[in-house]
Amino acid sequence: MDPQALIGFLIIAVALTCTPGPDWAFTIAAGLGRRSFVPAVAGLCSGYVLHTVLLAAGIAALMAANPGLLAWLTVAGALYLLWLGMATAKSWRSAGFSSAGPEVENAPASGARRRAYLQGVGTSAINPKGLLFFVALTPQFIRPGAPFPIPVQSAVLGLTFVASTAVIYTLVAAGSRKLLRSRPGGARAITLSSGIIMFGLGLVLLAEQAVPVTHAAEQLFARG
């Protein structure tokens, strides 16, 4: 790998990961939950591992060449954000720690961990910001003449992004938990705000994709 390209990619990856968006809202909500936030962060990272696999396999380039497909995927991501935002906002009353008794903390949590993990995968796998990063920005740091083949370079860049998200989202979740552990009122307010933000982002994405999706649908019907 070209060291300059790798460093430049890492700077952009960290900057993008530090930009608040659906991932941040989900991570903060997970950090304010009564159980471990690790499954949620692991789910987010797994979603970006999926992006890395698609990039290395060349599927990301195919998606970039098909704007209609990207539009439909963005709509799917927007609908998922709407659902997740509503679910998060509805759980605001249970956010916080001081009111949780030991019977709550020690209850079986395998189902909750699995649900948090899958929600994390869904949040990052169809996050439009992540799609844009892997489809549009990552290929700019791939060097055809480098010693490593393009799929290997794609994998290295993608896993570099995954590593940055793992570190930053863990810090975000742990920080929100530490700051608001003794402030159940603040935890509930931020959980409600996170849900509203995710729901609002979903609405904005749907509005932005209304014209492209309509155009793609018209072309599809015209071909039929």
Protein backbone atom coordinates (compact mmCIF):
# COMPACT_ATOMS: atom_id res chain seq x y z
CA MET A 1 0.00 0.00 0.00
CA ASP A 2 1.07 3.56 -0.71
CA PRO A 3 1.72 5.03 2.79
CA GLN A 4 0.47 8.46 1.75
CA ALA A 5 -2.74 7.00 0.35
CA LEU A 6 -3.29 4.94 3.49
CA ILE A 7 -2.70 7.92 5.79
CA GLY A 8 -4.98 10.12 3.71
CA PHE A 9 -7.66 7.44 3.76
CA LEU A 10 -7.36 7.05 7.54
CA ILE A 11 -7.76 10.80 8.07
CA ILE A 12 -10.93 10.88 5.99
CA ALA A 13 -12.23 7.69 7.64
CA VAL A 14 -11.77 9.12 11.14
CA ALA A 15 -13.30 12.44 10.12
CA LEU A 16 -16.32 10.69 8.63
CA THR A 17 -16.71 8.40 11.65
CA CYS A 18 -16.58 11.42 13.97
CA THR A 19 -19.39 13.11 12.02
CA PRO A 20 -22.69 12.62 13.90
CA GLY A 21 -25.28 10.63 12.00
CA PRO A 22 -27.38 7.46 12.28
CA ASP A 23 -24.43 5.46 13.64
CA TRP A 24 -23.85 8.00 16.39
CA ALA A 25 -27.49 8.15 17.36
CA PHE A 26 -27.66 4.35 17.54
CA THR A 27 -24.36 4.12 19.45
CA ILE A 28 -25.42 6.70 22.03
CA ALA A 29 -28.76 4.95 22.51
CA ALA A 30 -26.92 1.63 22.99
CA GLY A 31 -24.54 3.24 25.47
CA LEU A 32 -27.48 4.49 27.53
CA GLY A 33 -29.06 1.04 27.70
CA ARG A 34 -28.92 -1.07 30.83
CA ARG A 35 -26.94 -3.85 29.15
CA SER A 36 -23.58 -3.98 27.39
CA PHE A 37 -23.19 -1.82 24.31
CA VAL A 38 -20.55 -4.17 22.85
CA PRO A 39 -23.03 -6.18 20.70
CA ALA A 40 -24.37 -2.95 19.17
CA VAL A 41 -20.88 -1.67 18.31
CA ALA A 42 -19.90 -5.11 17.00
CA GLY A 43 -22.99 -5.04 14.78
CA LEU A 44 -22.06 -1.64 13.37
CA CYS A 45 -18.55 -2.89 12.59
CA SER A 46 -19.93 -6.06 11.00
CA GLY A 47 -22.04 -3.98 8.65
CA TYR A 48 -18.91 -2.19 7.46
CA VAL A 49 -17.10 -5.52 7.10
CA LEU A 50 -19.89 -6.43 4.68
CA HIS A 51 -19.18 -3.21 2.76
CA THR A 52 -15.51 -4.18 2.69
CA VAL A 53 -16.30 -7.60 1.22
CA LEU A 54 -18.47 -6.02 -1.47
CA LEU A 55 -15.74 -3.49 -2.25
CA ALA A 56 -13.04 -6.17 -2.54
CA ALA A 57 -15.31 -8.29 -4.73
CA GLY A 58 -15.87 -5.39 -7.11
CA ILE A 59 -19.59 -5.19 -6.39
CA ALA A 60 -19.23 -1.65 -5.05
CA ALA A 61 -18.01 -0.51 -8.48
CA LEU A 62 -21.04 -2.13 -10.07
CA MET A 63 -23.32 -0.30 -7.66
CA ALA A 64 -21.59 3.00 -8.42
CA ALA A 65 -22.32 2.47 -12.11
CA ASN A 66 -26.01 1.92 -11.38
CA PRO A 67 -27.50 5.07 -9.77
CA GLY A 68 -30.96 3.51 -9.73
CA LEU A 69 -29.75 0.67 -7.50
CA LEU A 70 -28.10 3.12 -5.12
CA ALA A 71 -31.31 5.12 -4.95
CA TRP A 72 -33.35 2.07 -3.98
CA LEU A 73 -30.76 1.02 -1.38
CA THR A 74 -30.87 4.52 0.08
CA VAL A 75 -34.66 4.30 0.32
CA ALA A 76 -34.32 0.97 2.13
CA GLY A 77 -31.87 2.59 4.54
CA ALA A 78 -34.24 5.51 5.08
CA LEU A 79 -37.16 3.19 5.89
CA TYR A 80 -34.97 1.25 8.32
CA LEU A 81 -33.95 4.49 10.04
CA LEU A 82 -37.62 5.44 10.39
CA TRP A 83 -38.37 2.13 12.09
CA LEU A 84 -35.28 2.20 14.30
CA GLY A 85 -35.91 5.83 15.23
CA MET A 86 -39.46 5.05 16.34
CA ALA A 87 -38.29 2.00 18.32
CA THR A 88 -35.55 4.02 20.04
CA ALA A 89 -37.83 6.95 20.84
CA LYS A 90 -40.45 4.59 22.31
CA SER A 91 -37.83 3.11 24.68
CA TRP A 92 -36.89 6.45 26.25
CA ARG A 93 -38.71 5.76 29.50
CA SER A 94 -36.47 2.76 30.27
CA ALA A 95 -33.19 4.59 29.61
CA GLY A 96 -30.87 5.20 32.54
CA PHE A 97 -29.35 3.15 35.33
CA SER A 98 -30.23 4.35 38.79
CA SER A 99 -33.73 2.87 38.69
CA ALA A 100 -32.63 -0.56 37.45
CA GLY A 101 -32.75 -3.23 40.10
CA PRO A 102 -30.48 -6.31 40.21
CA GLU A 103 -33.21 -8.53 38.83
CA VAL A 104 -33.18 -6.39 35.68
CA GLU A 105 -29.42 -6.31 35.35
CA ASN A 106 -28.98 -10.06 35.85
CA ALA A 107 -31.85 -11.21 33.63
CA PRO A 108 -31.02 -13.47 30.64
CA ALA A 109 -29.85 -11.20 27.84
CA SER A 110 -28.96 -13.46 24.91
CA GLY A 111 -32.00 -12.29 22.95
CA ALA A 112 -31.30 -8.63 23.74
CA ARG A 113 -27.66 -8.97 22.69
CA ARG A 114 -28.64 -10.65 19.44
CA ARG A 115 -31.23 -7.97 18.73
CA ALA A 116 -28.73 -5.16 19.45
CA TYR A 117 -26.16 -6.81 17.19
CA LEU A 118 -28.58 -7.24 14.29
CA GLN A 119 -29.83 -3.66 14.68
CA GLY A 120 -26.22 -2.49 14.50
CA VAL A 121 -25.62 -4.52 11.34
CA GLY A 122 -28.72 -3.06 9.75
CA THR A 123 -27.83 0.49 10.77
CA SER A 124 -24.36 0.45 9.16
CA ALA A 125 -25.04 -1.96 6.28
CA ILE A 126 -27.61 0.35 4.70
CA ASN A 127 -26.30 3.62 6.12
CA PRO A 128 -26.19 5.99 3.10
CA LYS A 129 -23.10 7.68 4.54
CA GLY A 130 -21.31 4.33 4.63
CA LEU A 131 -22.49 3.43 1.13
CA LEU A 132 -21.20 6.74 -0.20
CA PHE A 133 -17.86 6.27 1.52
CA PHE A 134 -17.22 2.78 0.19
CA VAL A 135 -18.66 3.36 -3.28
CA ALA A 136 -17.43 6.86 -4.07
CA LEU A 137 -14.45 7.70 -1.84
CA THR A 138 -12.57 4.46 -1.15
CA PRO A 139 -11.71 3.69 -4.82
CA GLN A 140 -9.86 7.03 -5.01
CA PHE A 141 -7.19 5.64 -2.66
CA ILE A 142 -6.62 2.43 -4.60
CA ARG A 143 -3.47 2.41 -6.74
CA PRO A 144 -3.60 0.08 -9.78
CA GLY A 145 0.21 0.01 -9.99
CA ALA A 146 0.80 -0.89 -6.35
CA PRO A 147 2.44 -4.23 -5.40
CA PHE A 148 -0.79 -5.47 -3.81
CA PRO A 149 -3.68 -6.36 -6.16
CA ILE A 150 -6.77 -4.15 -6.10
CA PRO A 151 -8.92 -6.59 -4.04
CA VAL A 152 -6.22 -6.72 -1.33
CA GLN A 153 -5.93 -2.92 -1.28
CA SER A 154 -9.72 -2.70 -1.02
CA ALA A 155 -9.71 -5.10 1.92
CA VAL A 156 -6.94 -3.20 3.72
CA LEU A 157 -8.72 0.14 3.29
CA GLY A 158 -12.07 -1.30 4.32
CA LEU A 159 -10.69 -2.97 7.44
CA THR A 160 -8.87 0.25 8.33
CA PHE A 161 -12.24 1.99 8.30
CA VAL A 162 -13.76 -0.82 10.40
CA ALA A 163 -10.98 -0.45 12.98
CA SER A 164 -11.55 3.30 13.22
CA THR A 165 -15.29 2.82 13.71
CA ALA A 166 -14.69 0.18 16.40
CA VAL A 167 -12.50 2.55 18.42
CA ILE A 168 -14.58 5.71 17.97
CA TYR A 169 -18.00 4.14 18.50
CA THR A 170 -16.75 2.33 21.62
CA LEU A 171 -15.55 5.66 23.00
CA VAL A 172 -18.87 7.32 22.11
CA ALA A 173 -20.94 4.57 23.78
CA ALA A 174 -18.71 4.38 26.85
CA GLY A 175 -18.58 8.16 27.15
CA SER A 176 -22.33 8.58 26.97
CA ARG A 177 -22.78 5.82 29.56
CA LYS A 178 -20.25 7.30 31.95
CA LEU A 179 -21.52 10.86 31.65
CA LEU A 180 -25.18 9.98 32.14
CA ARG A 181 -24.98 6.92 34.40
CA SER A 182 -26.18 8.89 37.42
CA ARG A 183 -28.50 11.14 35.40
CA PRO A 184 -31.52 9.07 34.36
CA GLY A 185 -33.39 12.20 33.29
CA GLY A 186 -30.61 13.17 30.91
CA ALA A 187 -30.32 9.59 29.64
CA ARG A 188 -34.03 9.50 28.83
CA ALA A 189 -33.87 12.87 27.08
CA ILE A 190 -30.89 11.86 24.93
CA THR A 191 -32.44 8.48 24.10
CA LEU A 192 -35.60 10.25 22.96
CA SER A 193 -33.50 12.76 20.99
CA SER A 194 -31.51 9.95 19.35
CA GLY A 195 -34.71 8.30 18.18
CA ILE A 196 -36.06 11.57 16.83
CA ILE A 197 -32.77 12.25 15.01
CA MET A 198 -32.79 8.81 13.35
CA PHE A 199 -36.44 9.26 12.36
CA GLY A 200 -35.72 12.74 11.01
CA LEU A 201 -32.72 11.53 9.00
CA GLY A 202 -34.93 8.82 7.51
CA LEU A 203 -37.47 11.42 6.42
CA VAL A 204 -34.76 13.61 4.88
CA LEU A 205 -33.30 10.67 2.95
CA LEU A 206 -36.73 9.69 1.65
CA ALA A 207 -37.34 13.25 0.50
CA GLU A 208 -33.95 13.41 -1.22
CA GLN A 209 -34.53 10.13 -3.07
CA ALA A 210 -38.11 10.84 -4.15
CA VAL A 211 -37.07 12.20 -7.56
CA PRO A 212 -34.31 9.64 -8.36
CA VAL A 213 -36.48 6.69 -7.36
CA THR A 214 -39.43 7.99 -9.35
CA HIS A 215 -37.17 8.43 -12.38
CA ALA A 216 -35.71 4.93 -11.98
CA ALA A 217 -39.21 3.45 -11.68
CA GLU A 218 -40.33 5.28 -14.82
CA GLN A 219 -37.34 3.91 -16.75
CA LEU A 220 -38.07 0.42 -15.48
CA PHE A 221 -41.69 0.58 -16.61
CA ALA A 222 -40.64 2.08 -19.94
CA ARG A 223 -38.34 -0.87 -20.61
CA GLY A 224 -41.11 -3.31 -19.71
